[in-house]
Amino acid sequence: MSTDKRQKILNEALELFSEFGFSHVSINMIAKQAGVTKSLIFHHFINKEQLWDEVKAHYFSQYAQAQLNLFEQEKDPIELIKKSMRSYFYYIQKNPQVAKFFAYAHLEGDEKCGKMDQPLIEKGSELIIEAQNNGVMRKGFNPAVLVMSFLTTINQYFIASCHYSQWDAELYEKPETFIEALIELTIIGIKP
């Protein structure tokens, strides 16, 4: 029961934080949304900051573990990029509030995000540089820019759908057309 309540608090906190950001959400709001008392929240979390950090860590770790598994399983660097892009896309498609949550984290200057994903970017950069040195990917581009470009593009696809769906509704009616086009453009840009 306690674990279920804790997860309910995390889920509802994610919903509120992704809608209003850290600064505009109170423990009272989270308690009401989760259908629990404030004292139960404080039983599980010391304060709102710890709850924010737990939400961040919980949802980031889900994606991070999938990406770490891809690093181990996929040995072809081009296929790894394609699978990484699809993995992130489908994770955010299933959890669009996560993209909004991290957008607020960035807007509010939460530097802990960069520390959380540091192991992923280091491993990814190492693999990209190795692929560049082996002639599988063209030299001269910064691996971090490659990763930032696909992460931010995918996030914006979901966060700004009210805007971009007006440009091409089919990209939202058939989301696979978007991710496959993004993958194609990316791969063309990184091949030698």
C-alpha atoms as a PDB file:
ATOM      1  CA  MET A   1       0.000   0.000   0.000  1.00  0.00           C
ATOM      2  CA  SER A   2       2.773   2.426   0.917  1.00  0.00           C
ATOM      3  CA  THR A   3       4.603   1.772  -2.376  1.00  0.00           C
ATOM      4  CA  ASP A   4       1.377   2.307  -4.333  1.00  0.00           C
ATOM      5  CA  LYS A   5       0.730   5.611  -2.564  1.00  0.00           C
ATOM      6  CA  ARG A   6       4.319   6.727  -3.141  1.00  0.00           C
ATOM      7  CA  GLN A   7       4.000   5.949  -6.863  1.00  0.00           C
ATOM      8  CA  LYS A   8       0.652   7.765  -6.987  1.00  0.00           C
ATOM      9  CA  ILE A   9       2.305  10.826  -5.437  1.00  0.00           C
ATOM     10  CA  LEU A  10       5.147  10.649  -7.996  1.00  0.00           C
ATOM     11  CA  ASN A  11       2.693  10.300 -10.887  1.00  0.00           C
ATOM     12  CA  GLU A  12       0.505  13.180  -9.780  1.00  0.00           C
ATOM     13  CA  ALA A  13       3.510  15.367  -8.987  1.00  0.00           C
ATOM     14  CA  LEU A  14       4.784  14.719 -12.520  1.00  0.00           C
ATOM     15  CA  GLU A  15       1.430  15.809 -13.946  1.00  0.00           C
ATOM     16  CA  LEU A  16       1.392  19.023 -11.939  1.00  0.00           C
ATOM     17  CA  PHE A  17       5.085  19.846 -12.396  1.00  0.00           C
ATOM     18  CA  SER A  18       4.790  19.255 -16.144  1.00  0.00           C
ATOM     19  CA  GLU A  19       1.791  21.572 -16.299  1.00  0.00           C
ATOM     20  CA  PHE A  20       2.984  24.386 -14.024  1.00  0.00           C
ATOM     21  CA  GLY A  21       6.698  23.888 -13.300  1.00  0.00           C
ATOM     22  CA  PHE A  22       8.341  23.616  -9.905  1.00  0.00           C
ATOM     23  CA  SER A  23       7.701  27.170  -8.727  1.00  0.00           C
ATOM     24  CA  HIS A  24       3.948  27.140  -9.259  1.00  0.00           C
ATOM     25  CA  VAL A  25       3.139  23.801  -7.632  1.00  0.00           C
ATOM     26  CA  SER A  26       2.563  23.412  -3.907  1.00  0.00           C
ATOM     27  CA  ILE A  27       2.511  20.343  -1.695  1.00  0.00           C
ATOM     28  CA  ASN A  28      -1.183  21.123  -1.107  1.00  0.00           C
ATOM     29  CA  MET A  29      -1.847  20.874  -4.835  1.00  0.00           C
ATOM     30  CA  ILE A  30      -0.013  17.547  -5.067  1.00  0.00           C
ATOM     31  CA  ALA A  31      -1.833  16.138  -2.022  1.00  0.00           C
ATOM     32  CA  LYS A  32      -5.215  17.126  -3.440  1.00  0.00           C
ATOM     33  CA  GLN A  33      -4.389  15.752  -6.923  1.00  0.00           C
ATOM     34  CA  ALA A  34      -3.065  12.469  -5.479  1.00  0.00           C
ATOM     35  CA  GLY A  35      -5.914  12.124  -2.975  1.00  0.00           C
ATOM     36  CA  VAL A  36      -3.531  11.877  -0.027  1.00  0.00           C
ATOM     37  CA  THR A  37      -2.653  13.996   2.970  1.00  0.00           C
ATOM     38  CA  LYS A  38       0.275  16.382   3.102  1.00  0.00           C
ATOM     39  CA  SER A  39       1.665  14.368   5.992  1.00  0.00           C
ATOM     40  CA  LEU A  40       1.778  11.254   3.785  1.00  0.00           C
ATOM     41  CA  ILE A  41       3.750  13.187   1.191  1.00  0.00           C
ATOM     42  CA  PHE A  42       6.167  14.316   3.899  1.00  0.00           C
ATOM     43  CA  HIS A  43       6.387  10.717   5.112  1.00  0.00           C
ATOM     44  CA  HIS A  44       7.811   9.745   1.701  1.00  0.00           C
ATOM     45  CA  PHE A  45       9.625  12.976   0.772  1.00  0.00           C
ATOM     46  CA  ILE A  46      11.455  15.476   2.984  1.00  0.00           C
ATOM     47  CA  ASN A  47      10.237  18.500   1.010  1.00  0.00           C
ATOM     48  CA  LYS A  48       9.042  19.635  -2.398  1.00  0.00           C
ATOM     49  CA  GLU A  49      12.618  19.790  -3.715  1.00  0.00           C
ATOM     50  CA  GLN A  50      13.199  16.132  -2.889  1.00  0.00           C
ATOM     51  CA  LEU A  51       9.886  15.207  -4.518  1.00  0.00           C
ATOM     52  CA  TRP A  52      10.910  17.166  -7.648  1.00  0.00           C
ATOM     53  CA  ASP A  53      14.264  15.356  -7.703  1.00  0.00           C
ATOM     54  CA  GLU A  54      12.592  11.966  -7.200  1.00  0.00           C
ATOM     55  CA  VAL A  55      10.158  12.605 -10.063  1.00  0.00           C
ATOM     56  CA  LYS A  56      13.062  13.626 -12.263  1.00  0.00           C
ATOM     57  CA  ALA A  57      15.176  10.610 -11.314  1.00  0.00           C
ATOM     58  CA  HIS A  58      12.288   8.158 -11.637  1.00  0.00           C
ATOM     59  CA  TYR A  59      11.281   9.130 -15.154  1.00  0.00           C
ATOM     60  CA  PHE A  60      14.812   9.779 -16.391  1.00  0.00           C
ATOM     61  CA  SER A  61      15.997   6.365 -15.198  1.00  0.00           C
ATOM     62  CA  GLN A  62      13.310   4.615 -17.245  1.00  0.00           C
ATOM     63  CA  TYR A  63      14.662   6.080 -20.474  1.00  0.00           C
ATOM     64  CA  ALA A  64      18.300   5.899 -19.385  1.00  0.00           C
ATOM     65  CA  GLN A  65      18.114   2.171 -18.700  1.00  0.00           C
ATOM     66  CA  ALA A  66      16.651   1.520 -22.149  1.00  0.00           C
ATOM     67  CA  GLN A  67      19.454   3.566 -23.720  1.00  0.00           C
ATOM     68  CA  LEU A  68      22.152   1.776 -21.718  1.00  0.00           C
ATOM     69  CA  ASN A  69      20.704  -1.531 -22.921  1.00  0.00           C
ATOM     70  CA  LEU A  70      20.933  -0.287 -26.523  1.00  0.00           C
ATOM     71  CA  PHE A  71      24.599   0.614 -26.009  1.00  0.00           C
ATOM     72  CA  GLU A  72      25.240  -2.980 -24.975  1.00  0.00           C
ATOM     73  CA  GLN A  73      23.081  -4.701 -27.594  1.00  0.00           C
ATOM     74  CA  GLU A  74      23.659  -2.737 -30.812  1.00  0.00           C
ATOM     75  CA  LYS A  75      27.169  -2.819 -32.217  1.00  0.00           C
ATOM     76  CA  ASP A  76      26.487  -1.023 -35.531  1.00  0.00           C
ATOM     77  CA  PRO A  77      26.830   2.737 -34.735  1.00  0.00           C
ATOM     78  CA  ILE A  78      24.392   3.846 -37.455  1.00  0.00           C
ATOM     79  CA  GLU A  79      21.781   1.362 -36.250  1.00  0.00           C
ATOM     80  CA  LEU A  80      22.470   2.477 -32.684  1.00  0.00           C
ATOM     81  CA  ILE A  81      21.620   6.078 -33.605  1.00  0.00           C
ATOM     82  CA  LYS A  82      18.427   4.964 -35.372  1.00  0.00           C
ATOM     83  CA  LYS A  83      17.349   2.766 -32.472  1.00  0.00           C
ATOM     84  CA  SER A  84      18.237   5.456 -29.923  1.00  0.00           C
ATOM     85  CA  MET A  85      16.108   7.986 -31.760  1.00  0.00           C
ATOM     86  CA  ARG A  86      13.166   5.580 -32.014  1.00  0.00           C
ATOM     87  CA  SER A  87      13.538   4.565 -28.372  1.00  0.00           C
ATOM     88  CA  TYR A  88      13.442   8.163 -27.178  1.00  0.00           C
ATOM     89  CA  PHE A  89      10.584   9.044 -29.530  1.00  0.00           C
ATOM     90  CA  TYR A  90       8.389   6.160 -28.355  1.00  0.00           C
ATOM     91  CA  TYR A  91       9.264   6.796 -24.708  1.00  0.00           C
ATOM     92  CA  ILE A  92       8.147  10.447 -24.994  1.00  0.00           C
ATOM     93  CA  GLN A  93       5.120   9.458 -27.082  1.00  0.00           C
ATOM     94  CA  LYS A  94       4.065   7.166 -24.231  1.00  0.00           C
ATOM     95  CA  ASN A  95       5.009   9.777 -21.573  1.00  0.00           C
ATOM     96  CA  PRO A  96       4.566  13.244 -23.162  1.00  0.00           C
ATOM     97  CA  GLN A  97       4.401  14.913 -19.758  1.00  0.00           C
ATOM     98  CA  VAL A  98       8.049  13.895 -19.227  1.00  0.00           C
ATOM     99  CA  ALA A  99       9.146  16.190 -22.075  1.00  0.00           C
ATOM    100  CA  LYS A 100       7.161  19.041 -20.532  1.00  0.00           C
ATOM    101  CA  PHE A 101       8.580  18.300 -17.082  1.00  0.00           C
ATOM    102  CA  PHE A 102      12.160  18.474 -18.349  1.00  0.00           C
ATOM    103  CA  ALA A 103      11.352  21.631 -20.323  1.00  0.00           C
ATOM    104  CA  TYR A 104      10.354  23.255 -17.026  1.00  0.00           C
ATOM    105  CA  ALA A 105      13.476  21.855 -15.359  1.00  0.00           C
ATOM    106  CA  HIS A 106      15.578  23.558 -18.026  1.00  0.00           C
ATOM    107  CA  LEU A 107      13.627  26.814 -17.899  1.00  0.00           C
ATOM    108  CA  GLU A 108      14.013  26.913 -14.130  1.00  0.00           C
ATOM    109  CA  GLY A 109      17.778  26.357 -14.380  1.00  0.00           C
ATOM    110  CA  ASP A 110      17.888  22.880 -12.821  1.00  0.00           C
ATOM    111  CA  GLU A 111      21.535  21.960 -13.364  1.00  0.00           C
ATOM    112  CA  LYS A 112      21.060  18.477 -11.910  1.00  0.00           C
ATOM    113  CA  CYS A 113      19.637  17.325 -15.266  1.00  0.00           C
ATOM    114  CA  GLY A 114      23.041  17.646 -16.897  1.00  0.00           C
ATOM    115  CA  LYS A 115      24.625  15.588 -14.162  1.00  0.00           C
ATOM    116  CA  MET A 116      21.982  12.855 -14.508  1.00  0.00           C
ATOM    117  CA  ASP A 117      22.547  12.266 -18.187  1.00  0.00           C
ATOM    118  CA  GLN A 118      26.314  12.772 -18.117  1.00  0.00           C
ATOM    119  CA  PRO A 119      27.064   9.004 -18.218  1.00  0.00           C
ATOM    120  CA  LEU A 120      24.793   8.606 -21.262  1.00  0.00           C
ATOM    121  CA  ILE A 121      26.340  11.486 -23.201  1.00  0.00           C
ATOM    122  CA  GLU A 122      29.854  10.326 -22.335  1.00  0.00           C
ATOM    123  CA  LYS A 123      29.177   6.770 -23.539  1.00  0.00           C
ATOM    124  CA  GLY A 124      27.311   8.010 -26.609  1.00  0.00           C
ATOM    125  CA  SER A 125      30.071  10.478 -27.490  1.00  0.00           C
ATOM    126  CA  GLU A 126      32.703   7.792 -27.078  1.00  0.00           C
ATOM    127  CA  LEU A 127      30.832   5.506 -29.489  1.00  0.00           C
ATOM    128  CA  ILE A 128      30.282   8.310 -32.021  1.00  0.00           C
ATOM    129  CA  ILE A 129      33.955   9.351 -31.940  1.00  0.00           C
ATOM    130  CA  GLU A 130      34.964   5.716 -32.436  1.00  0.00           C
ATOM    131  CA  ALA A 131      32.590   5.507 -35.432  1.00  0.00           C
ATOM    132  CA  GLN A 132      34.076   8.736 -36.807  1.00  0.00           C
ATOM    133  CA  ASN A 133      37.604   7.365 -36.427  1.00  0.00           C
ATOM    134  CA  ASN A 134      36.568   4.124 -38.153  1.00  0.00           C
ATOM    135  CA  GLY A 135      35.036   6.004 -41.100  1.00  0.00           C
ATOM    136  CA  VAL A 136      31.464   4.900 -40.317  1.00  0.00           C
ATOM    137  CA  MET A 137      30.409   8.471 -39.516  1.00  0.00           C
ATOM    138  CA  ARG A 138      31.851  11.621 -40.988  1.00  0.00           C
ATOM    139  CA  LYS A 139      34.380  13.533 -38.954  1.00  0.00           C
ATOM    140  CA  GLY A 140      33.948  17.138 -37.964  1.00  0.00           C
ATOM    141  CA  PHE A 141      30.713  17.145 -35.998  1.00  0.00           C
ATOM    142  CA  ASN A 142      30.419  17.296 -32.245  1.00  0.00           C
ATOM    143  CA  PRO A 143      28.687  14.176 -30.845  1.00  0.00           C
ATOM    144  CA  ALA A 144      26.864  16.251 -28.224  1.00  0.00           C
ATOM    145  CA  VAL A 145      25.276  18.340 -31.003  1.00  0.00           C
ATOM    146  CA  LEU A 146      23.965  15.185 -32.681  1.00  0.00           C
ATOM    147  CA  VAL A 147      22.361  13.977 -29.458  1.00  0.00           C
ATOM    148  CA  MET A 148      21.029  17.436 -28.517  1.00  0.00           C
ATOM    149  CA  SER A 149      19.508  17.864 -31.973  1.00  0.00           C
ATOM    150  CA  PHE A 150      17.460  14.694 -31.916  1.00  0.00           C
ATOM    151  CA  LEU A 151      16.432  15.011 -28.256  1.00  0.00           C
ATOM    152  CA  THR A 152      15.251  18.602 -28.627  1.00  0.00           C
ATOM    153  CA  THR A 153      13.528  17.949 -31.951  1.00  0.00           C
ATOM    154  CA  ILE A 154      11.610  15.006 -30.516  1.00  0.00           C
ATOM    155  CA  ASN A 155      10.696  16.960 -27.386  1.00  0.00           C
ATOM    156  CA  GLN A 156       9.431  19.877 -29.478  1.00  0.00           C
ATOM    157  CA  TYR A 157       7.400  17.532 -31.675  1.00  0.00           C
ATOM    158  CA  PHE A 158       5.358  16.626 -28.602  1.00  0.00           C
ATOM    159  CA  ILE A 159       5.476  19.870 -26.620  1.00  0.00           C
ATOM    160  CA  ALA A 160       4.565  22.134 -29.558  1.00  0.00           C
ATOM    161  CA  SER A 161       2.108  19.880 -31.369  1.00  0.00           C
ATOM    162  CA  CYS A 162      -0.526  22.663 -31.315  1.00  0.00           C
ATOM    163  CA  HIS A 163       1.874  24.693 -33.482  1.00  0.00           C
ATOM    164  CA  TYR A 164       3.528  22.149 -35.750  1.00  0.00           C
ATOM    165  CA  SER A 165       0.417  20.100 -36.479  1.00  0.00           C
ATOM    166  CA  GLN A 166      -0.805  23.148 -38.425  1.00  0.00           C
ATOM    167  CA  TRP A 167       2.212  22.824 -40.735  1.00  0.00           C
ATOM    168  CA  ASP A 168       1.586  19.191 -41.594  1.00  0.00           C
ATOM    169  CA  ALA A 169      -1.250  17.359 -39.841  1.00  0.00           C
ATOM    170  CA  GLU A 170      -0.128  14.005 -41.249  1.00  0.00           C
ATOM    171  CA  LEU A 171       3.009  14.137 -39.108  1.00  0.00           C
ATOM    172  CA  TYR A 172       0.694  13.946 -36.092  1.00  0.00           C
ATOM    173  CA  GLU A 173      -1.878  11.589 -37.588  1.00  0.00           C
ATOM    174  CA  LYS A 174       0.932   9.150 -38.427  1.00  0.00           C
ATOM    175  CA  PRO A 175       3.730   9.836 -35.920  1.00  0.00           C
ATOM    176  CA  GLU A 176       5.967   7.191 -37.505  1.00  0.00           C
ATOM    177  CA  THR A 177       6.281   9.445 -40.580  1.00  0.00           C
ATOM    178  CA  PHE A 178       7.851  12.111 -38.379  1.00  0.00           C
ATOM    179  CA  ILE A 179      10.380   9.896 -36.613  1.00  0.00           C
ATOM    180  CA  GLU A 180      11.368   8.065 -39.798  1.00  0.00           C
ATOM    181  CA  ALA A 181      11.912  11.376 -41.640  1.00  0.00           C
ATOM    182  CA  LEU A 182      13.964  12.711 -38.730  1.00  0.00           C
ATOM    183  CA  ILE A 183      16.066   9.543 -38.687  1.00  0.00           C
ATOM    184  CA  GLU A 184      16.627   9.733 -42.432  1.00  0.00           C
ATOM    185  CA  LEU A 185      17.774  13.365 -42.259  1.00  0.00           C
ATOM    186  CA  THR A 186      20.036  12.640 -39.312  1.00  0.00           C
ATOM    187  CA  ILE A 187      21.676   9.616 -40.900  1.00  0.00           C
ATOM    188  CA  ILE A 188      22.279  11.496 -44.162  1.00  0.00           C
ATOM    189  CA  GLY A 189      23.969  14.233 -42.119  1.00  0.00           C
ATOM    190  CA  ILE A 190      26.309  11.931 -40.205  1.00  0.00           C
ATOM    191  CA  LYS A 191      27.380   9.498 -42.905  1.00  0.00           C
ATOM    192  CA  PRO A 192      30.757  10.116 -44.549  1.00  0.00           C
END
